[in-house]
Amino acid sequence: MMKGLFITFEGIDGCGKSTQCELLKDYLKANGKDFIFVREPGGTVIGERIREILLDKKNTQMTARTELLLFEAARAQITEEVIRPALEEGKTVICDRFFDSSSAYQGMARGMGMDFVAGLNMAATGGLEPDVTFFFDISVEEALARRGKRGEASDRIELAGMRFQEDVRTGYLELAKNSNGRIVTVDATLGIEEIFDAVMKTLEGKI
């Protein structure tokens, strides 16, 4: 039986989820909580090598099916090597992206089918699901403007364009609607502290 709490952060590129991850890490550290932070894809030696392949702009010939299976391979590795053991030890696990990303990006935006991807997600994680998922919702235009102000270089997936990101957002909204409360939608246009307050209100009594 899992004794820890599994929290995942999701959203389109530029939504601000990584900032919120950092704030939650700082809070847990300041309050002496036992936690780990991981990201997807990555978080293991194997996962980081897969990440390089997935995000490399030179890999223009990668098919949608290949992309999806690489994400699932990295996910299977981090789940068994890192996430599940930490939860069994009673630790809180914060993950910057998890399987909802594949449902939104590959299932919806790449047209692989969200039901099809959901089945692969469960196979990759052995049925492990997050306890709480925060979806930071923002328009594609505003997310793009934020990334431009920060001067961030785009990776292979981020270069897919605005229509692709619109489809990703649609996928997330669909997931949230059908998540039975697991996915909490947060207005990512609010101020950083307001967003974090919303996160902490949801986590009250859980951490």
Protein backbone atom coordinates (compact mmCIF):
# COMPACT_ATOMS: atom_id res chain seq x y z
CA MET A 1 0.00 0.00 0.00
CA MET A 2 1.23 3.48 -0.92
CA LYS A 3 1.85 5.69 2.12
CA GLY A 4 3.09 8.85 0.39
CA LEU A 5 1.31 11.56 -1.59
CA PHE A 6 1.77 11.79 -5.36
CA ILE A 7 1.30 15.30 -6.80
CA THR A 8 1.66 16.16 -10.48
CA PHE A 9 1.78 19.52 -12.27
CA GLU A 10 0.47 19.88 -15.82
CA GLY A 11 -0.24 22.48 -18.51
CA ILE A 12 0.79 23.80 -21.90
CA ASP A 13 4.32 25.10 -22.38
CA GLY A 14 4.68 28.47 -20.64
CA CYS A 15 1.80 28.00 -18.19
CA GLY A 16 3.99 28.58 -15.11
CA LYS A 17 3.84 25.08 -13.62
CA SER A 18 7.60 24.88 -13.10
CA THR A 19 7.49 28.03 -10.96
CA GLN A 20 4.76 26.47 -8.83
CA CYS A 21 6.81 23.28 -8.49
CA GLU A 22 9.66 25.36 -7.09
CA LEU A 23 7.37 27.14 -4.62
CA LEU A 24 5.96 23.84 -3.37
CA LYS A 25 9.45 22.40 -3.02
CA ASP A 26 10.49 25.44 -0.98
CA TYR A 27 7.42 25.08 1.25
CA LEU A 28 8.01 21.38 1.91
CA LYS A 29 11.70 21.96 2.60
CA ALA A 30 10.97 24.82 5.00
CA ASN A 31 8.47 22.68 6.88
CA GLY A 32 10.71 19.64 7.18
CA LYS A 33 8.64 17.41 4.91
CA ASP A 34 10.16 14.32 3.33
CA PHE A 35 9.75 14.69 -0.43
CA ILE A 36 11.35 14.17 -3.80
CA PHE A 37 10.97 16.14 -7.02
CA VAL A 38 11.14 14.55 -10.47
CA ARG A 39 10.33 15.56 -14.02
CA GLU A 40 9.04 13.85 -17.11
CA PRO A 41 10.55 12.72 -19.30
CA GLY A 42 13.70 12.14 -17.30
CA GLY A 43 14.49 11.57 -13.66
CA THR A 44 16.58 8.44 -14.28
CA VAL A 45 19.72 7.76 -16.33
CA ILE A 46 17.61 5.98 -18.95
CA GLY A 47 14.87 8.60 -18.83
CA GLU A 48 17.28 11.48 -19.35
CA ARG A 49 18.74 9.82 -22.44
CA ILE A 50 15.23 9.32 -23.81
CA ARG A 51 14.50 12.99 -23.03
CA GLU A 52 17.42 14.08 -25.18
CA ILE A 53 16.06 12.09 -28.11
CA LEU A 54 12.51 13.38 -27.66
CA LEU A 55 13.41 17.07 -27.45
CA ASP A 56 16.22 17.17 -30.01
CA LYS A 57 15.14 19.51 -32.82
CA LYS A 58 17.15 17.45 -35.30
CA ASN A 59 14.78 14.48 -34.91
CA THR A 60 12.26 15.85 -37.39
CA GLN A 61 11.39 12.42 -38.77
CA MET A 62 10.12 11.06 -35.46
CA THR A 63 6.61 9.66 -35.87
CA ALA A 64 3.80 10.31 -33.40
CA ARG A 65 3.76 6.63 -32.41
CA THR A 66 7.51 6.61 -31.77
CA GLU A 67 7.20 9.78 -29.70
CA LEU A 68 4.41 8.31 -27.60
CA LEU A 69 6.22 5.03 -26.95
CA LEU A 70 9.41 6.83 -25.96
CA PHE A 71 7.49 8.88 -23.41
CA GLU A 72 5.88 5.71 -22.05
CA ALA A 73 9.24 3.96 -21.83
CA ALA A 74 10.72 6.82 -19.80
CA ARG A 75 7.58 6.84 -17.64
CA ALA A 76 7.78 3.11 -16.94
CA GLN A 77 11.39 3.50 -15.82
CA ILE A 78 10.85 6.44 -13.47
CA THR A 79 7.72 4.90 -11.98
CA GLU A 80 9.45 1.68 -10.99
CA GLU A 81 12.89 3.08 -10.20
CA VAL A 82 11.96 6.28 -8.37
CA ILE A 83 8.29 7.17 -7.83
CA ARG A 84 6.81 3.94 -6.50
CA PRO A 85 9.67 3.27 -4.02
CA ALA A 86 9.44 6.84 -2.68
CA LEU A 87 5.68 6.56 -2.17
CA GLU A 88 6.10 3.22 -0.41
CA GLU A 89 8.53 4.95 1.96
CA GLY A 90 5.88 7.54 2.77
CA LYS A 91 7.47 10.42 0.89
CA THR A 92 5.62 13.13 -0.99
CA VAL A 93 6.44 12.97 -4.70
CA ILE A 94 6.17 16.11 -6.84
CA CYS A 95 6.33 15.42 -10.56
CA ASP A 96 6.62 18.09 -13.27
CA ARG A 97 4.40 16.32 -15.84
CA PHE A 98 3.20 12.73 -15.76
CA PHE A 99 0.83 10.65 -17.86
CA ASP A 100 -1.76 13.39 -18.42
CA SER A 101 0.84 15.06 -20.65
CA SER A 102 0.81 12.07 -22.99
CA SER A 103 -2.98 12.06 -23.07
CA ALA A 104 -3.04 15.76 -24.01
CA TYR A 105 0.02 15.99 -26.25
CA GLN A 106 0.05 12.64 -28.01
CA GLY A 107 -3.54 11.51 -27.46
CA MET A 108 -5.28 14.73 -28.44
CA ALA A 109 -2.78 16.98 -30.25
CA ARG A 110 -0.97 14.20 -32.16
CA GLY A 111 -4.27 12.44 -32.86
CA MET A 112 -3.28 9.11 -31.32
CA GLY A 113 -6.56 8.89 -29.39
CA MET A 114 -6.96 9.65 -25.70
CA ASP A 115 -8.43 6.24 -24.86
CA PHE A 116 -5.56 4.49 -26.63
CA VAL A 117 -3.01 6.58 -24.75
CA ALA A 118 -4.80 6.02 -21.44
CA GLY A 119 -4.31 2.28 -21.86
CA LEU A 120 -0.59 2.72 -22.51
CA ASN A 121 -0.32 5.05 -19.51
CA MET A 122 -1.71 2.38 -17.21
CA ALA A 123 0.60 -0.24 -18.71
CA ALA A 124 3.63 2.02 -18.21
CA THR A 125 2.82 2.88 -14.59
CA GLY A 126 1.44 -0.48 -13.53
CA GLY A 127 -1.80 1.31 -12.67
CA LEU A 128 -0.20 4.01 -10.52
CA GLU A 129 -2.10 7.32 -10.69
CA PRO A 130 -1.40 10.69 -9.04
CA ASP A 131 -3.38 11.57 -5.93
CA VAL A 132 -3.71 15.20 -7.03
CA THR A 133 -2.97 16.81 -10.39
CA PHE A 134 -2.84 20.58 -10.89
CA PHE A 135 -3.64 21.80 -14.40
CA PHE A 136 -2.51 25.39 -14.86
CA ASP A 137 -4.82 26.77 -17.53
CA ILE A 138 -3.83 29.70 -19.72
CA SER A 139 -4.41 30.79 -23.31
CA VAL A 140 -1.85 29.75 -25.88
CA GLU A 141 -1.25 33.41 -26.79
CA GLU A 142 -0.40 34.41 -23.23
CA ALA A 143 1.78 31.34 -22.66
CA LEU A 144 3.71 32.12 -25.85
CA ALA A 145 4.18 35.75 -24.79
CA ARG A 146 5.54 34.63 -21.41
CA ARG A 147 8.04 32.30 -23.04
CA GLY A 148 9.11 35.06 -25.41
CA LYS A 149 9.77 37.45 -22.54
CA ARG A 150 11.93 34.84 -20.82
CA GLY A 151 13.89 34.29 -24.02
CA GLU A 152 13.48 30.51 -23.83
CA ALA A 153 14.71 28.38 -26.70
CA SER A 154 12.10 26.04 -28.14
CA ASP A 155 12.59 22.27 -28.20
CA ARG A 156 11.23 19.89 -30.86
CA ILE A 157 7.76 19.61 -29.31
CA GLU A 158 7.42 23.30 -28.50
CA LEU A 159 8.16 24.08 -32.16
CA ALA A 160 4.97 22.27 -33.23
CA GLY A 161 3.11 25.59 -33.35
CA MET A 162 0.12 27.39 -31.87
CA ARG A 163 -2.54 25.09 -33.31
CA PHE A 164 -0.77 22.15 -31.71
CA GLN A 165 -0.72 23.93 -28.33
CA GLU A 166 -4.41 24.79 -28.72
CA ASP A 167 -5.14 21.09 -29.20
CA VAL A 168 -3.01 20.26 -26.15
CA ARG A 169 -5.02 22.70 -24.06
CA THR A 170 -8.26 21.19 -25.35
CA GLY A 171 -6.96 17.79 -24.30
CA TYR A 172 -6.20 18.99 -20.79
CA LEU A 173 -9.63 20.59 -20.43
CA GLU A 174 -11.24 17.33 -21.50
CA LEU A 175 -9.13 15.36 -19.03
CA ALA A 176 -10.00 17.72 -16.18
CA LYS A 177 -13.71 17.46 -16.93
CA ASN A 178 -13.60 13.67 -16.70
CA SER A 179 -11.09 13.21 -13.86
CA ASN A 180 -13.57 12.71 -11.00
CA GLY A 181 -11.88 15.51 -9.10
CA ARG A 182 -8.28 14.27 -9.40
CA ILE A 183 -7.35 17.12 -11.73
CA VAL A 184 -7.70 20.58 -10.19
CA THR A 185 -7.84 23.39 -12.75
CA VAL A 186 -6.04 26.55 -11.66
CA ASP A 187 -6.32 29.92 -13.42
CA ALA A 188 -2.73 30.47 -14.52
CA THR A 189 -3.37 34.11 -15.42
CA LEU A 190 -3.44 35.00 -11.71
CA GLY A 191 -0.37 36.26 -9.86
CA ILE A 192 2.26 33.74 -8.80
CA GLU A 193 1.36 33.96 -5.11
CA GLU A 194 -2.37 33.74 -5.82
CA ILE A 195 -1.80 30.59 -7.83
CA PHE A 196 0.32 29.08 -5.06
CA ASP A 197 -2.39 29.93 -2.52
CA ALA A 198 -4.85 27.96 -4.66
CA VAL A 199 -2.44 25.02 -4.76
CA MET A 200 -1.96 25.05 -1.00
CA LYS A 201 -5.69 25.32 -0.36
CA THR A 202 -6.18 22.10 -2.33
CA LEU A 203 -3.32 20.39 -0.47
CA GLU A 204 -4.50 21.51 2.96
CA GLY A 205 -4.67 18.50 5.26
CA LYS A 206 -2.86 16.29 2.76
CA ILE A 207 0.78 17.29 3.34
